[in-house]
Amino acid sequence: MSTDQPQSIAPEALPEVVTGFLAAHRAHDTATALGFLRPDATVTDDGRTYRGAPAIEAWLNRSAGEYTYTTELIGAQKADADHYVATHHLEGDFPGGVVDLHYRFRLGGGLIEELRIEP
């Protein structure tokens, strides 16, 4: 992540590539979600890192059916032109039942280069 101090922004000020990915992910639309990622992108979720489109596709498909939950975008931050954070509040049937997750995006070439999902 950038060393710049992130600044809060309105969620609608997130780049289209970020909001498009989040909408596709929420809708369990794997093909569309993959279109917002570089072919060599990495996603880190729950301590595991997935590299490249085939691994990320498997992660998206698995995570879509693992739990039932609701998600609400509750905040957004911008560190610089390539680093954004989208904070989501989730409630569902996963362990703990409630969590705020930070989706930390690094962009490159107009697409998502890296995504880290963490509390």
C-alpha atoms as a PDB file:
ATOM      1  CA  MET A   1       0.000   0.000   0.000  1.00  0.00           C
ATOM      2  CA  SER A   2       1.130   3.561  -0.509  1.00  0.00           C
ATOM      3  CA  THR A   3       2.862   5.402   2.310  1.00  0.00           C
ATOM      4  CA  ASP A   4       0.545   8.391   1.818  1.00  0.00           C
ATOM      5  CA  GLN A   5      -2.056   8.927   4.530  1.00  0.00           C
ATOM      6  CA  PRO A   6      -5.407   7.717   3.131  1.00  0.00           C
ATOM      7  CA  GLN A   7      -8.178  10.303   2.921  1.00  0.00           C
ATOM      8  CA  SER A   8     -11.868   9.513   3.316  1.00  0.00           C
ATOM      9  CA  ILE A   9     -13.842   9.912   0.111  1.00  0.00           C
ATOM     10  CA  ALA A  10     -17.467   9.372  -0.830  1.00  0.00           C
ATOM     11  CA  PRO A  11     -18.026   5.763  -1.925  1.00  0.00           C
ATOM     12  CA  GLU A  12     -19.269   7.009  -5.295  1.00  0.00           C
ATOM     13  CA  ALA A  13     -15.833   8.624  -5.803  1.00  0.00           C
ATOM     14  CA  LEU A  14     -14.175   5.192  -5.973  1.00  0.00           C
ATOM     15  CA  PRO A  15     -12.863   4.406  -9.477  1.00  0.00           C
ATOM     16  CA  GLU A  16     -15.238   2.571 -11.794  1.00  0.00           C
ATOM     17  CA  VAL A  17     -12.920  -0.441 -11.910  1.00  0.00           C
ATOM     18  CA  VAL A  18     -13.304  -0.806  -8.110  1.00  0.00           C
ATOM     19  CA  THR A  19     -17.064  -0.252  -7.983  1.00  0.00           C
ATOM     20  CA  GLY A  20     -17.575  -2.518 -10.993  1.00  0.00           C
ATOM     21  CA  PHE A  21     -15.573  -5.318  -9.388  1.00  0.00           C
ATOM     22  CA  LEU A  22     -17.419  -4.935  -6.083  1.00  0.00           C
ATOM     23  CA  ALA A  23     -20.819  -5.013  -7.799  1.00  0.00           C
ATOM     24  CA  ALA A  24     -19.897  -8.103  -9.829  1.00  0.00           C
ATOM     25  CA  HIS A  25     -18.455  -9.825  -6.750  1.00  0.00           C
ATOM     26  CA  ARG A  26     -21.622  -9.042  -4.758  1.00  0.00           C
ATOM     27  CA  ALA A  27     -23.770 -10.404  -7.632  1.00  0.00           C
ATOM     28  CA  HIS A  28     -21.620 -13.571  -7.878  1.00  0.00           C
ATOM     29  CA  ASP A  29     -20.847 -12.656 -11.513  1.00  0.00           C
ATOM     30  CA  THR A  30     -17.403 -14.216 -11.783  1.00  0.00           C
ATOM     31  CA  ALA A  31     -16.838 -13.474 -15.479  1.00  0.00           C
ATOM     32  CA  THR A  32     -17.563  -9.766 -15.054  1.00  0.00           C
ATOM     33  CA  ALA A  33     -15.496  -9.546 -11.851  1.00  0.00           C
ATOM     34  CA  LEU A  34     -12.496 -11.097 -13.623  1.00  0.00           C
ATOM     35  CA  GLY A  35     -12.769  -8.445 -16.344  1.00  0.00           C
ATOM     36  CA  PHE A  36     -11.786  -5.786 -13.805  1.00  0.00           C
ATOM     37  CA  LEU A  37      -8.585  -7.631 -12.833  1.00  0.00           C
ATOM     38  CA  ARG A  38      -5.233  -7.789 -14.584  1.00  0.00           C
ATOM     39  CA  PRO A  39      -4.482 -11.327 -15.805  1.00  0.00           C
ATOM     40  CA  ASP A  40      -1.548 -11.468 -13.360  1.00  0.00           C
ATOM     41  CA  ALA A  41      -3.475  -9.947 -10.428  1.00  0.00           C
ATOM     42  CA  THR A  42      -3.276 -11.233  -6.873  1.00  0.00           C
ATOM     43  CA  VAL A  43      -6.070 -11.484  -4.312  1.00  0.00           C
ATOM     44  CA  THR A  44      -5.382 -12.148  -0.639  1.00  0.00           C
ATOM     45  CA  ASP A  45      -8.376 -13.197   1.453  1.00  0.00           C
ATOM     46  CA  ASP A  46      -8.519 -14.971   4.790  1.00  0.00           C
ATOM     47  CA  GLY A  47      -4.728 -15.294   4.823  1.00  0.00           C
ATOM     48  CA  ARG A  48      -4.489 -17.016   1.436  1.00  0.00           C
ATOM     49  CA  THR A  49      -3.143 -15.459  -1.738  1.00  0.00           C
ATOM     50  CA  TYR A  50      -4.520 -16.306  -5.191  1.00  0.00           C
ATOM     51  CA  ARG A  51      -2.358 -15.387  -8.214  1.00  0.00           C
ATOM     52  CA  GLY A  52      -3.593 -15.107 -11.774  1.00  0.00           C
ATOM     53  CA  ALA A  53      -7.006 -15.423 -13.356  1.00  0.00           C
ATOM     54  CA  PRO A  54      -7.520 -19.214 -12.908  1.00  0.00           C
ATOM     55  CA  ALA A  55      -6.776 -19.114  -9.156  1.00  0.00           C
ATOM     56  CA  ILE A  56      -8.849 -15.968  -8.640  1.00  0.00           C
ATOM     57  CA  GLU A  57     -11.736 -17.459 -10.625  1.00  0.00           C
ATOM     58  CA  ALA A  58     -11.703 -20.529  -8.358  1.00  0.00           C
ATOM     59  CA  TRP A  59     -11.644 -18.254  -5.286  1.00  0.00           C
ATOM     60  CA  LEU A  60     -14.567 -16.174  -6.593  1.00  0.00           C
ATOM     61  CA  ASN A  61     -16.629 -19.280  -7.352  1.00  0.00           C
ATOM     62  CA  ARG A  62     -15.876 -20.847  -3.969  1.00  0.00           C
ATOM     63  CA  SER A  63     -16.497 -17.693  -1.939  1.00  0.00           C
ATOM     64  CA  ALA A  64     -19.823 -17.101  -3.699  1.00  0.00           C
ATOM     65  CA  GLY A  65     -21.376 -20.215  -2.192  1.00  0.00           C
ATOM     66  CA  GLU A  66     -19.478 -20.616   1.061  1.00  0.00           C
ATOM     67  CA  TYR A  67     -21.738 -18.449   3.270  1.00  0.00           C
ATOM     68  CA  THR A  68     -24.917 -16.415   3.060  1.00  0.00           C
ATOM     69  CA  TYR A  69     -24.485 -12.794   4.086  1.00  0.00           C
ATOM     70  CA  THR A  70     -25.488  -9.216   3.468  1.00  0.00           C
ATOM     71  CA  THR A  71     -22.921  -6.563   2.689  1.00  0.00           C
ATOM     72  CA  GLU A  72     -23.055  -2.788   2.919  1.00  0.00           C
ATOM     73  CA  LEU A  73     -20.390  -0.349   1.708  1.00  0.00           C
ATOM     74  CA  ILE A  74     -19.839   1.851   4.767  1.00  0.00           C
ATOM     75  CA  GLY A  75     -16.720   3.806   3.818  1.00  0.00           C
ATOM     76  CA  ALA A  76     -14.075   4.560   1.228  1.00  0.00           C
ATOM     77  CA  GLN A  77     -10.568   5.951   1.271  1.00  0.00           C
ATOM     78  CA  LYS A  78      -8.016   7.076  -1.292  1.00  0.00           C
ATOM     79  CA  ALA A  79      -4.276   7.007  -0.582  1.00  0.00           C
ATOM     80  CA  ASP A  80      -3.185   8.034  -4.088  1.00  0.00           C
ATOM     81  CA  ALA A  81      -4.266   7.528  -7.709  1.00  0.00           C
ATOM     82  CA  ASP A  82      -3.626   3.766  -7.507  1.00  0.00           C
ATOM     83  CA  HIS A  83      -4.535   2.831  -3.900  1.00  0.00           C
ATOM     84  CA  TYR A  84      -8.090   2.689  -2.550  1.00  0.00           C
ATOM     85  CA  VAL A  85      -9.889   1.081   0.365  1.00  0.00           C
ATOM     86  CA  ALA A  86     -13.573   0.117   0.356  1.00  0.00           C
ATOM     87  CA  THR A  87     -14.905  -0.851   3.784  1.00  0.00           C
ATOM     88  CA  HIS A  88     -17.851  -3.243   3.908  1.00  0.00           C
ATOM     89  CA  HIS A  89     -20.014  -4.302   6.838  1.00  0.00           C
ATOM     90  CA  LEU A  90     -21.017  -7.967   6.531  1.00  0.00           C
ATOM     91  CA  GLU A  91     -23.627  -9.894   8.508  1.00  0.00           C
ATOM     92  CA  GLY A  92     -24.350 -13.551   7.886  1.00  0.00           C
ATOM     93  CA  ASP A  93     -23.906 -17.206   8.766  1.00  0.00           C
ATOM     94  CA  PHE A  94     -20.076 -17.167   8.742  1.00  0.00           C
ATOM     95  CA  PRO A  95     -18.091 -17.643  11.978  1.00  0.00           C
ATOM     96  CA  GLY A  96     -18.648 -14.581  14.185  1.00  0.00           C
ATOM     97  CA  GLY A  97     -21.669 -13.467  12.130  1.00  0.00           C
ATOM     98  CA  VAL A  98     -20.606  -9.797  11.825  1.00  0.00           C
ATOM     99  CA  VAL A  99     -17.430  -8.187  10.485  1.00  0.00           C
ATOM    100  CA  ASP A 100     -16.183  -5.010   8.844  1.00  0.00           C
ATOM    101  CA  LEU A 101     -13.817  -5.899   6.006  1.00  0.00           C
ATOM    102  CA  HIS A 102     -11.389  -3.569   4.262  1.00  0.00           C
ATOM    103  CA  TYR A 103     -10.973  -4.267   0.555  1.00  0.00           C
ATOM    104  CA  ARG A 104      -7.554  -2.739  -0.222  1.00  0.00           C
ATOM    105  CA  PHE A 105      -7.078  -2.172  -3.949  1.00  0.00           C
ATOM    106  CA  ARG A 106      -3.902  -1.419  -5.885  1.00  0.00           C
ATOM    107  CA  LEU A 107      -4.589  -0.418  -9.477  1.00  0.00           C
ATOM    108  CA  GLY A 108      -2.306  -0.679 -12.468  1.00  0.00           C
ATOM    109  CA  GLY A 109      -2.937  -0.036 -16.138  1.00  0.00           C
ATOM    110  CA  GLY A 110      -6.577   0.823 -15.466  1.00  0.00           C
ATOM    111  CA  LEU A 111      -7.283  -2.560 -13.832  1.00  0.00           C
ATOM    112  CA  ILE A 112      -6.988  -4.088 -10.370  1.00  0.00           C
ATOM    113  CA  GLU A 113      -3.457  -5.352  -9.816  1.00  0.00           C
ATOM    114  CA  GLU A 114      -3.838  -6.417  -6.187  1.00  0.00           C
ATOM    115  CA  LEU A 115      -6.700  -6.845  -3.744  1.00  0.00           C
ATOM    116  CA  ARG A 116      -6.230  -7.567  -0.056  1.00  0.00           C
ATOM    117  CA  ILE A 117      -9.338  -8.306   2.018  1.00  0.00           C
ATOM    118  CA  GLU A 118      -8.810  -8.019   5.753  1.00  0.00           C
ATOM    119  CA  PRO A 119     -10.566  -6.920   8.964  1.00  0.00           C
END
